[in-house]
N, C-alpha and C. Protein backbone atom coordinates (compact mmCIF):
# COMPACT_ATOMS: atom_id res chain seq x y z
N UNK A 1 0.84 -1.16 0.00
CA UNK A 1 0.00 0.00 0.00
C UNK A 1 0.89 1.24 0.00
N UNK A 2 0.62 2.17 -0.87
CA UNK A 2 1.35 3.43 -0.92
C UNK A 2 0.53 4.46 -0.14
N UNK A 3 1.12 5.05 0.90
CA UNK A 3 0.45 6.05 1.71
C UNK A 3 0.99 7.43 1.37
N UNK A 4 0.16 8.44 1.49
CA UNK A 4 0.55 9.81 1.25
C UNK A 4 0.32 10.60 2.54
N UNK A 5 1.40 10.90 3.27
CA UNK A 5 1.31 11.62 4.54
C UNK A 5 1.34 13.12 4.28
N UNK A 6 0.74 13.89 5.16
CA UNK A 6 0.72 15.35 5.02
C UNK A 6 1.41 15.98 6.22
N UNK A 7 2.54 16.63 6.00
CA UNK A 7 3.23 17.40 7.03
C UNK A 7 2.71 18.82 6.94
N UNK A 8 2.62 19.52 8.04
CA UNK A 8 2.20 20.92 8.02
C UNK A 8 3.36 21.78 7.55
N UNK A 9 3.06 22.74 6.68
CA UNK A 9 4.12 23.66 6.26
C UNK A 9 3.51 25.03 5.99
N UNK A 10 4.33 26.05 6.14
CA UNK A 10 3.84 27.42 6.05
C UNK A 10 3.88 27.96 4.63
N UNK A 11 4.97 27.72 3.93
CA UNK A 11 5.15 28.33 2.62
C UNK A 11 6.04 27.44 1.77
N UNK A 12 6.01 27.69 0.48
CA UNK A 12 6.85 26.92 -0.44
C UNK A 12 8.15 27.68 -0.68
N UNK A 13 9.25 26.97 -0.58
CA UNK A 13 10.55 27.55 -0.87
C UNK A 13 10.99 27.02 -2.23
N UNK A 14 11.48 27.89 -3.08
CA UNK A 14 11.75 27.53 -4.46
C UNK A 14 12.88 26.52 -4.60
N UNK A 15 14.00 26.72 -3.94
CA UNK A 15 15.15 25.84 -4.17
C UNK A 15 15.45 24.96 -2.96
N UNK A 16 14.44 24.45 -2.35
CA UNK A 16 14.65 23.54 -1.23
C UNK A 16 13.84 22.27 -1.48
N UNK A 17 14.26 21.22 -0.82
CA UNK A 17 13.49 19.98 -0.89
C UNK A 17 12.12 20.22 -0.29
N UNK A 18 11.08 19.67 -0.90
CA UNK A 18 9.75 19.87 -0.33
C UNK A 18 8.93 18.59 -0.21
N UNK A 19 9.42 17.49 -0.77
CA UNK A 19 8.67 16.24 -0.69
C UNK A 19 9.64 15.06 -0.76
N UNK A 20 9.29 13.97 -0.10
CA UNK A 20 10.16 12.79 -0.10
C UNK A 20 9.30 11.54 -0.26
N UNK A 21 9.80 10.60 -1.04
CA UNK A 21 9.18 9.27 -1.18
C UNK A 21 10.17 8.25 -0.65
N UNK A 22 9.70 7.38 0.23
CA UNK A 22 10.52 6.32 0.80
C UNK A 22 9.91 5.00 0.37
N UNK A 23 10.71 4.19 -0.31
CA UNK A 23 10.23 2.94 -0.90
C UNK A 23 11.05 1.79 -0.36
N UNK A 24 10.38 0.74 0.11
CA UNK A 24 11.11 -0.46 0.53
C UNK A 24 11.86 -0.99 -0.69
N UNK A 25 13.14 -1.25 -0.54
CA UNK A 25 13.97 -1.65 -1.68
C UNK A 25 13.52 -2.98 -2.28
N UNK A 26 12.90 -3.84 -1.48
CA UNK A 26 12.45 -5.14 -1.99
C UNK A 26 11.25 -5.00 -2.91
N UNK A 27 10.63 -3.82 -2.96
CA UNK A 27 9.45 -3.60 -3.79
C UNK A 27 9.81 -3.19 -5.22
N UNK A 28 11.09 -2.99 -5.48
CA UNK A 28 11.54 -2.49 -6.78
C UNK A 28 12.28 -3.56 -7.55
N UNK A 29 12.22 -3.46 -8.88
CA UNK A 29 13.07 -4.31 -9.70
C UNK A 29 14.52 -3.92 -9.43
N UNK A 30 15.41 -4.85 -9.58
CA UNK A 30 16.82 -4.64 -9.25
C UNK A 30 17.46 -3.57 -10.13
N UNK A 31 18.18 -2.65 -9.48
CA UNK A 31 18.99 -1.66 -10.19
C UNK A 31 20.15 -1.24 -9.30
N UNK A 32 21.19 -0.69 -9.93
CA UNK A 32 22.35 -0.22 -9.18
C UNK A 32 22.80 1.13 -9.74
N UNK A 33 23.97 1.60 -9.31
CA UNK A 33 24.44 2.92 -9.72
C UNK A 33 24.81 2.99 -11.19
N UNK A 34 24.96 1.84 -11.85
CA UNK A 34 25.29 1.81 -13.28
C UNK A 34 24.07 1.67 -14.18
N UNK A 35 22.91 1.45 -13.60
CA UNK A 35 21.68 1.31 -14.38
C UNK A 35 21.37 2.64 -15.07
N UNK A 36 21.03 2.60 -16.36
CA UNK A 36 20.70 3.85 -17.07
C UNK A 36 19.51 4.58 -16.43
N UNK A 37 19.56 5.90 -16.48
CA UNK A 37 18.51 6.72 -15.87
C UNK A 37 17.12 6.37 -16.38
N UNK A 38 16.98 6.11 -17.68
CA UNK A 38 15.67 5.78 -18.25
C UNK A 38 15.07 4.54 -17.59
N UNK A 39 15.90 3.55 -17.31
CA UNK A 39 15.40 2.33 -16.66
C UNK A 39 14.99 2.61 -15.22
N UNK A 40 15.75 3.44 -14.51
CA UNK A 40 15.41 3.78 -13.13
C UNK A 40 14.09 4.56 -13.10
N UNK A 41 13.93 5.51 -14.01
CA UNK A 41 12.68 6.27 -14.10
C UNK A 41 11.51 5.32 -14.32
N UNK A 42 11.68 4.36 -15.21
CA UNK A 42 10.63 3.39 -15.51
C UNK A 42 10.31 2.52 -14.29
N UNK A 43 11.34 2.08 -13.58
CA UNK A 43 11.14 1.22 -12.39
C UNK A 43 10.34 1.97 -11.32
N UNK A 44 10.70 3.21 -11.05
CA UNK A 44 10.02 3.97 -9.99
C UNK A 44 8.64 4.43 -10.45
N UNK A 45 8.52 4.83 -11.70
CA UNK A 45 7.23 5.31 -12.20
C UNK A 45 6.19 4.20 -12.31
N UNK A 46 6.62 2.97 -12.47
CA UNK A 46 5.69 1.85 -12.60
C UNK A 46 5.57 1.02 -11.33
N UNK A 47 5.80 1.65 -10.21
CA UNK A 47 5.67 0.98 -8.92
C UNK A 47 4.20 0.62 -8.69
N UNK A 48 3.89 -0.65 -8.45
CA UNK A 48 2.49 -1.04 -8.23
C UNK A 48 1.90 -0.37 -6.98
N UNK A 49 0.59 -0.13 -7.00
CA UNK A 49 -0.08 0.50 -5.86
C UNK A 49 0.00 -0.35 -4.60
N UNK A 50 0.28 -1.63 -4.74
CA UNK A 50 0.40 -2.52 -3.58
C UNK A 50 1.78 -2.46 -2.94
N UNK A 51 2.68 -1.68 -3.50
CA UNK A 51 4.05 -1.58 -2.99
C UNK A 51 4.08 -0.90 -1.64
N UNK A 52 5.10 -1.24 -0.85
CA UNK A 52 5.30 -0.61 0.45
C UNK A 52 6.13 0.66 0.25
N UNK A 53 5.46 1.81 0.34
CA UNK A 53 6.11 3.10 0.15
C UNK A 53 5.29 4.16 0.86
N UNK A 54 5.93 5.26 1.22
CA UNK A 54 5.16 6.41 1.68
C UNK A 54 5.80 7.69 1.18
N UNK A 55 4.93 8.68 1.00
CA UNK A 55 5.30 9.98 0.48
C UNK A 55 4.89 11.01 1.53
N UNK A 56 5.72 12.00 1.77
CA UNK A 56 5.34 13.04 2.72
C UNK A 56 5.91 14.39 2.30
N UNK A 57 5.15 15.45 2.61
CA UNK A 57 5.66 16.81 2.46
C UNK A 57 6.69 17.03 3.56
N UNK A 58 7.62 17.91 3.29
CA UNK A 58 8.64 18.25 4.28
C UNK A 58 8.33 19.60 4.91
N UNK A 59 8.56 19.69 6.20
CA UNK A 59 8.45 20.99 6.86
C UNK A 59 9.54 21.90 6.29
N UNK A 60 9.29 23.22 6.19
CA UNK A 60 10.31 24.12 5.63
C UNK A 60 11.64 24.02 6.37
N UNK A 61 12.70 23.95 5.59
CA UNK A 61 14.07 23.92 6.11
C UNK A 61 14.24 22.85 7.17
N UNK A 62 13.66 21.68 6.94
CA UNK A 62 13.64 20.64 7.95
C UNK A 62 14.43 19.41 7.56
N UNK A 63 14.85 19.29 6.33
CA UNK A 63 15.58 18.10 5.90
C UNK A 63 17.07 18.42 5.81
N UNK A 64 17.86 17.43 6.17
CA UNK A 64 19.30 17.56 6.01
C UNK A 64 19.78 16.35 5.22
N UNK A 65 20.41 16.62 4.09
CA UNK A 65 20.95 15.57 3.24
C UNK A 65 22.45 15.78 3.16
N UNK A 66 23.21 14.77 3.56
CA UNK A 66 24.66 14.84 3.52
C UNK A 66 25.18 13.71 2.66
N UNK A 67 25.89 14.06 1.61
CA UNK A 67 26.54 13.06 0.76
C UNK A 67 28.02 13.34 0.69
N UNK A 68 28.82 12.33 0.89
CA UNK A 68 30.27 12.50 0.91
C UNK A 68 30.91 11.53 -0.07
N UNK A 69 32.20 11.69 -0.26
CA UNK A 69 32.99 10.73 -1.01
C UNK A 69 34.11 10.25 -0.12
N UNK A 70 34.23 8.94 0.01
CA UNK A 70 35.33 8.35 0.78
C UNK A 70 36.12 7.44 -0.16
N UNK A 71 37.41 7.69 -0.23
CA UNK A 71 38.28 6.89 -1.10
C UNK A 71 39.09 5.95 -0.24
N UNK A 72 39.04 4.68 -0.58
CA UNK A 72 39.77 3.67 0.18
C UNK A 72 40.51 2.72 -0.74
N UNK A 73 41.00 1.63 -0.18
CA UNK A 73 41.75 0.64 -0.95
C UNK A 73 40.92 0.00 -2.06
N UNK A 74 39.61 -0.12 -1.84
CA UNK A 74 38.76 -0.79 -2.83
C UNK A 74 38.08 0.19 -3.78
N UNK A 75 38.38 1.47 -3.68
CA UNK A 75 37.77 2.46 -4.56
C UNK A 75 36.98 3.49 -3.77
N UNK A 76 36.05 4.14 -4.44
CA UNK A 76 35.26 5.20 -3.82
C UNK A 76 33.95 4.66 -3.27
N UNK A 77 33.59 5.14 -2.10
CA UNK A 77 32.28 4.88 -1.51
C UNK A 77 31.61 6.23 -1.30
N UNK A 78 30.29 6.23 -1.37
CA UNK A 78 29.54 7.46 -1.20
C UNK A 78 28.55 7.30 -0.05
N UNK A 79 28.99 7.63 1.19
CA UNK A 79 28.06 7.57 2.32
C UNK A 79 27.02 8.69 2.21
N UNK A 80 25.79 8.39 2.58
CA UNK A 80 24.72 9.38 2.56
C UNK A 80 23.95 9.30 3.87
N UNK A 81 23.51 10.47 4.33
CA UNK A 81 22.69 10.57 5.53
C UNK A 81 21.56 11.55 5.24
N UNK A 82 20.34 11.12 5.52
CA UNK A 82 19.16 11.95 5.31
C UNK A 82 18.39 11.97 6.63
N UNK A 83 18.08 13.16 7.13
CA UNK A 83 17.28 13.27 8.35
C UNK A 83 16.21 14.34 8.15
N UNK A 84 15.03 14.09 8.69
CA UNK A 84 13.96 15.08 8.68
C UNK A 84 12.96 14.72 9.78
N UNK A 85 12.07 15.67 10.07
CA UNK A 85 11.06 15.48 11.10
C UNK A 85 9.71 15.24 10.45
N UNK A 86 9.00 14.23 10.95
CA UNK A 86 7.64 13.94 10.50
C UNK A 86 6.68 14.28 11.63
N UNK A 87 5.66 15.07 11.33
CA UNK A 87 4.64 15.42 12.32
C UNK A 87 3.28 15.03 11.78
N UNK A 88 2.28 14.92 12.58
CA UNK A 88 2.24 14.96 14.03
C UNK A 88 2.53 13.58 14.62
N UNK A 89 2.53 13.52 15.94
CA UNK A 89 2.65 12.22 16.61
C UNK A 89 1.25 11.64 16.74
N UNK A 90 1.04 10.49 16.14
CA UNK A 90 -0.21 9.77 16.37
C UNK A 90 0.03 8.29 16.16
N UNK A 91 -0.93 7.50 16.55
CA UNK A 91 -0.79 6.05 16.54
C UNK A 91 -0.60 5.51 15.12
N UNK A 92 -1.33 6.03 14.16
CA UNK A 92 -1.25 5.53 12.78
C UNK A 92 0.13 5.75 12.17
N UNK A 93 0.67 6.96 12.35
CA UNK A 93 2.00 7.25 11.81
C UNK A 93 3.05 6.42 12.53
N UNK A 94 2.93 6.28 13.84
CA UNK A 94 3.88 5.46 14.60
C UNK A 94 3.87 4.01 14.09
N UNK A 95 2.70 3.44 13.87
CA UNK A 95 2.61 2.07 13.37
C UNK A 95 3.24 1.94 11.99
N UNK A 96 3.03 2.94 11.13
CA UNK A 96 3.63 2.91 9.80
C UNK A 96 5.15 2.98 9.90
N UNK A 97 5.67 3.89 10.71
CA UNK A 97 7.12 4.03 10.86
C UNK A 97 7.74 2.77 11.45
N UNK A 98 7.04 2.10 12.36
CA UNK A 98 7.55 0.86 12.94
C UNK A 98 7.70 -0.23 11.89
N UNK A 99 6.85 -0.22 10.87
CA UNK A 99 6.97 -1.21 9.78
C UNK A 99 8.27 -1.01 8.99
N UNK A 100 8.72 0.23 8.90
CA UNK A 100 9.93 0.54 8.13
C UNK A 100 11.20 0.52 8.98
N UNK A 101 11.06 0.58 10.30
CA UNK A 101 12.21 0.72 11.18
C UNK A 101 13.23 -0.40 10.96
N UNK A 102 14.48 -0.01 10.79
CA UNK A 102 15.61 -0.90 10.49
C UNK A 102 15.45 -1.62 9.15
N UNK A 103 14.59 -1.10 8.31
CA UNK A 103 14.37 -1.69 6.99
C UNK A 103 15.25 -1.05 5.93
N UNK A 104 15.35 -1.72 4.80
CA UNK A 104 16.16 -1.25 3.67
C UNK A 104 15.27 -0.50 2.69
N UNK A 105 15.69 0.73 2.36
CA UNK A 105 14.86 1.61 1.54
C UNK A 105 15.67 2.31 0.45
N UNK A 106 14.94 2.84 -0.50
CA UNK A 106 15.45 3.75 -1.52
C UNK A 106 14.66 5.04 -1.34
N UNK A 107 15.33 6.19 -1.45
CA UNK A 107 14.70 7.48 -1.15
C UNK A 107 14.75 8.39 -2.37
N UNK A 108 13.61 8.98 -2.70
CA UNK A 108 13.51 9.96 -3.77
C UNK A 108 13.09 11.28 -3.13
N UNK A 109 13.96 12.30 -3.21
CA UNK A 109 13.69 13.60 -2.61
C UNK A 109 13.46 14.60 -3.73
N UNK A 110 12.38 15.39 -3.59
CA UNK A 110 11.96 16.27 -4.68
C UNK A 110 12.17 17.74 -4.34
N UNK A 111 12.76 18.46 -5.31
CA UNK A 111 12.83 19.92 -5.31
C UNK A 111 11.92 20.38 -6.44
N UNK A 112 11.73 21.66 -6.56
CA UNK A 112 10.98 22.18 -7.71
C UNK A 112 11.83 21.98 -8.96
N UNK A 113 11.37 21.17 -9.89
CA UNK A 113 12.07 20.98 -11.15
C UNK A 113 13.10 19.87 -11.16
N UNK A 114 13.38 19.24 -10.03
CA UNK A 114 14.34 18.14 -10.02
C UNK A 114 14.06 17.20 -8.85
N UNK A 115 14.54 15.98 -9.00
CA UNK A 115 14.42 14.96 -7.95
C UNK A 115 15.76 14.27 -7.80
N UNK A 116 16.06 13.83 -6.58
CA UNK A 116 17.32 13.17 -6.27
C UNK A 116 17.03 11.80 -5.70
N UNK A 117 17.68 10.79 -6.25
CA UNK A 117 17.51 9.41 -5.79
C UNK A 117 18.71 9.00 -4.97
N UNK A 118 18.46 8.48 -3.77
CA UNK A 118 19.51 8.01 -2.88
C UNK A 118 19.28 6.54 -2.59
N UNK A 119 20.32 5.75 -2.76
CA UNK A 119 20.23 4.31 -2.55
C UNK A 119 19.78 3.60 -3.82
N UNK A 120 20.07 2.32 -3.87
CA UNK A 120 19.64 1.46 -4.97
C UNK A 120 19.15 0.15 -4.37
N UNK A 121 18.57 -0.70 -5.20
CA UNK A 121 18.15 -2.00 -4.66
C UNK A 121 19.36 -2.85 -4.32
N UNK A 122 20.47 -2.66 -5.03
CA UNK A 122 21.69 -3.41 -4.73
C UNK A 122 22.40 -2.88 -3.48
N UNK A 123 22.27 -1.58 -3.22
CA UNK A 123 22.88 -0.94 -2.06
C UNK A 123 21.87 0.02 -1.41
N UNK A 124 20.87 -0.55 -0.75
CA UNK A 124 19.83 0.29 -0.14
C UNK A 124 20.33 1.00 1.11
N UNK A 125 19.54 1.93 1.58
CA UNK A 125 19.82 2.68 2.79
C UNK A 125 19.01 2.08 3.95
N UNK A 126 19.42 2.36 5.18
CA UNK A 126 18.73 1.84 6.36
C UNK A 126 17.86 2.94 6.97
N UNK A 127 16.60 2.62 7.20
CA UNK A 127 15.61 3.55 7.75
C UNK A 127 15.49 3.33 9.26
N UNK A 128 15.61 4.39 10.04
CA UNK A 128 15.34 4.34 11.48
C UNK A 128 14.58 5.61 11.87
N UNK A 129 13.98 5.59 13.05
CA UNK A 129 13.31 6.79 13.54
C UNK A 129 13.36 6.85 15.06
N UNK A 130 13.19 8.05 15.59
CA UNK A 130 13.11 8.30 17.03
C UNK A 130 11.90 9.19 17.28
N UNK A 131 11.32 9.07 18.45
CA UNK A 131 10.23 9.96 18.84
C UNK A 131 10.82 11.29 19.33
N UNK A 132 10.14 12.38 18.99
CA UNK A 132 10.53 13.71 19.46
C UNK A 132 9.45 14.19 20.43
N UNK A 133 9.79 14.28 21.70
CA UNK A 133 8.86 14.73 22.73
C UNK A 133 9.46 15.90 23.48
N UNK A 134 8.58 16.79 23.95
CA UNK A 134 9.05 17.93 24.74
C UNK A 134 7.87 18.54 25.48
N UNK A 135 8.14 19.10 26.64
CA UNK A 135 7.12 19.84 27.38
C UNK A 135 7.03 21.28 26.90
N UNK A 136 8.00 21.73 26.11
CA UNK A 136 8.03 23.09 25.59
C UNK A 136 7.03 23.19 24.42
N UNK A 137 6.10 24.12 24.50
CA UNK A 137 5.06 24.25 23.48
C UNK A 137 5.61 24.67 22.12
N UNK A 138 6.74 25.36 22.10
CA UNK A 138 7.29 25.85 20.83
C UNK A 138 8.21 24.84 20.15
N UNK A 139 8.44 23.70 20.78
CA UNK A 139 9.32 22.67 20.20
C UNK A 139 8.50 21.72 19.33
N UNK A 140 9.05 21.35 18.19
CA UNK A 140 8.37 20.42 17.28
C UNK A 140 8.30 19.05 17.93
N UNK A 141 7.12 18.46 17.88
CA UNK A 141 6.92 17.10 18.37
C UNK A 141 6.54 16.23 17.19
N UNK A 142 7.08 15.07 17.15
CA UNK A 142 6.81 14.17 16.03
C UNK A 142 7.79 13.03 16.04
N UNK A 143 8.37 12.77 14.88
CA UNK A 143 9.32 11.68 14.73
C UNK A 143 10.51 12.17 13.92
N UNK A 144 11.70 11.85 14.39
CA UNK A 144 12.92 12.16 13.65
C UNK A 144 13.25 10.95 12.77
N UNK A 145 13.16 11.14 11.47
CA UNK A 145 13.45 10.08 10.50
C UNK A 145 14.92 10.16 10.15
N UNK A 146 15.62 9.02 10.20
CA UNK A 146 17.04 8.97 9.86
C UNK A 146 17.25 7.84 8.86
N UNK A 147 17.89 8.19 7.75
CA UNK A 147 18.15 7.22 6.69
C UNK A 147 19.63 7.31 6.35
N UNK A 148 20.35 6.19 6.46
CA UNK A 148 21.80 6.19 6.27
C UNK A 148 22.23 4.98 5.44
N UNK A 149 23.38 5.13 4.79
CA UNK A 149 23.96 4.02 4.06
C UNK A 149 25.10 4.49 3.19
N UNK A 150 25.68 3.55 2.46
CA UNK A 150 26.78 3.84 1.53
C UNK A 150 26.56 3.06 0.24
N UNK A 151 27.09 3.61 -0.83
CA UNK A 151 26.99 2.93 -2.12
C UNK A 151 28.17 3.26 -2.99
N UNK A 152 28.25 2.56 -4.12
CA UNK A 152 29.34 2.80 -5.06
C UNK A 152 29.10 4.02 -5.93
N UNK A 153 27.88 4.49 -6.00
CA UNK A 153 27.58 5.66 -6.81
C UNK A 153 26.97 6.76 -5.97
N UNK A 154 27.15 7.99 -6.42
CA UNK A 154 26.57 9.13 -5.75
C UNK A 154 25.07 9.17 -6.05
N UNK A 155 24.38 10.17 -5.54
CA UNK A 155 22.95 10.30 -5.82
C UNK A 155 22.71 10.50 -7.31
N UNK A 156 21.52 10.13 -7.75
CA UNK A 156 21.11 10.36 -9.14
C UNK A 156 20.24 11.61 -9.16
N UNK A 157 20.54 12.54 -10.05
CA UNK A 157 19.77 13.77 -10.18
C UNK A 157 18.94 13.68 -11.45
N UNK A 158 17.62 13.80 -11.30
CA UNK A 158 16.71 13.77 -12.44
C UNK A 158 16.07 15.15 -12.56
N UNK A 159 16.36 15.85 -13.65
CA UNK A 159 15.79 17.17 -13.87
C UNK A 159 14.62 17.08 -14.84
N UNK A 160 13.60 17.88 -14.57
CA UNK A 160 12.41 17.97 -15.41
C UNK A 160 11.70 16.64 -15.60
N UNK A 161 11.85 15.73 -14.66
CA UNK A 161 11.12 14.46 -14.67
C UNK A 161 10.10 14.53 -13.55
N UNK A 162 8.85 14.30 -13.88
CA UNK A 162 7.80 14.26 -12.86
C UNK A 162 7.50 12.80 -12.54
N UNK A 163 8.06 12.31 -11.45
CA UNK A 163 7.79 10.94 -11.03
C UNK A 163 6.34 10.85 -10.57
N UNK A 164 5.59 9.94 -11.15
CA UNK A 164 4.18 9.85 -10.81
C UNK A 164 3.94 9.34 -9.39
N UNK A 165 4.95 8.81 -8.73
CA UNK A 165 4.76 8.35 -7.35
C UNK A 165 4.34 9.51 -6.45
N UNK A 166 4.76 10.74 -6.77
CA UNK A 166 4.40 11.88 -5.94
C UNK A 166 2.93 12.28 -6.12
N UNK A 167 2.28 11.78 -7.16
CA UNK A 167 0.87 12.08 -7.41
C UNK A 167 -0.04 10.93 -7.02
N UNK A 168 0.52 9.91 -6.42
CA UNK A 168 -0.24 8.71 -6.08
C UNK A 168 -0.33 8.54 -4.58
N UNK A 169 -1.03 7.53 -4.18
CA UNK A 169 -1.12 7.20 -2.76
C UNK A 169 -2.41 7.70 -2.16
N UNK A 170 -2.87 7.01 -1.17
CA UNK A 170 -4.07 7.39 -0.45
C UNK A 170 -3.71 8.41 0.62
N UNK A 171 -4.60 9.36 0.84
CA UNK A 171 -4.39 10.27 1.96
C UNK A 171 -4.35 9.41 3.22
N UNK A 172 -3.36 9.60 4.04
CA UNK A 172 -3.09 8.66 5.13
C UNK A 172 -4.27 8.50 6.08
N UNK A 173 -4.90 9.59 6.49
CA UNK A 173 -6.01 9.47 7.43
C UNK A 173 -7.18 8.72 6.80
N UNK A 174 -7.42 8.91 5.51
CA UNK A 174 -8.51 8.21 4.84
C UNK A 174 -8.20 6.75 4.60
N UNK A 175 -6.94 6.44 4.40
CA UNK A 175 -6.57 5.08 4.01
C UNK A 175 -6.75 4.07 5.13
N UNK A 176 -6.79 4.54 6.37
CA UNK A 176 -6.91 3.61 7.49
C UNK A 176 -8.20 2.82 7.45
N UNK A 177 -9.28 3.43 7.03
CA UNK A 177 -10.57 2.76 7.04
C UNK A 177 -10.86 1.96 5.79
N UNK A 178 -10.00 2.03 4.79
CA UNK A 178 -10.25 1.31 3.54
C UNK A 178 -9.77 -0.11 3.58
């Protein structure tokens, strides 16, 4: 089931990430950093509705994506770390996140006019989360999503491609009763 979560946000920022799709790597046909872009676009765009994935809006200036290059005896590795906050805290979102916890995923992060793919089915990333709680009313409460891993290739940048996964999925609150 593909779920579409809604994060609260105030305004749209032109050159910042604003949406993310997290897909269980086992739900995709096999691909790696050498797979041609057209094939990757086809694999992600033709993801069945029964696939385990979720899409969410990002809170403004709330995501941190770090990609590095590490050179070692066996060649180059590209460690990546993605963190963001998911709100609000409720039972349904917690249950969904628990299904993904410590799971292997591929992440597609969207900016206006471009999307970035992190991880592959051959070298997926690891999904974890923590609860964010506070007695302070001005502090964000929700879940801190952390996605980490390494691969042989850097992120894939797709410009002017509209992945249909961002237009799919059931609204999360409605999907519970279906």
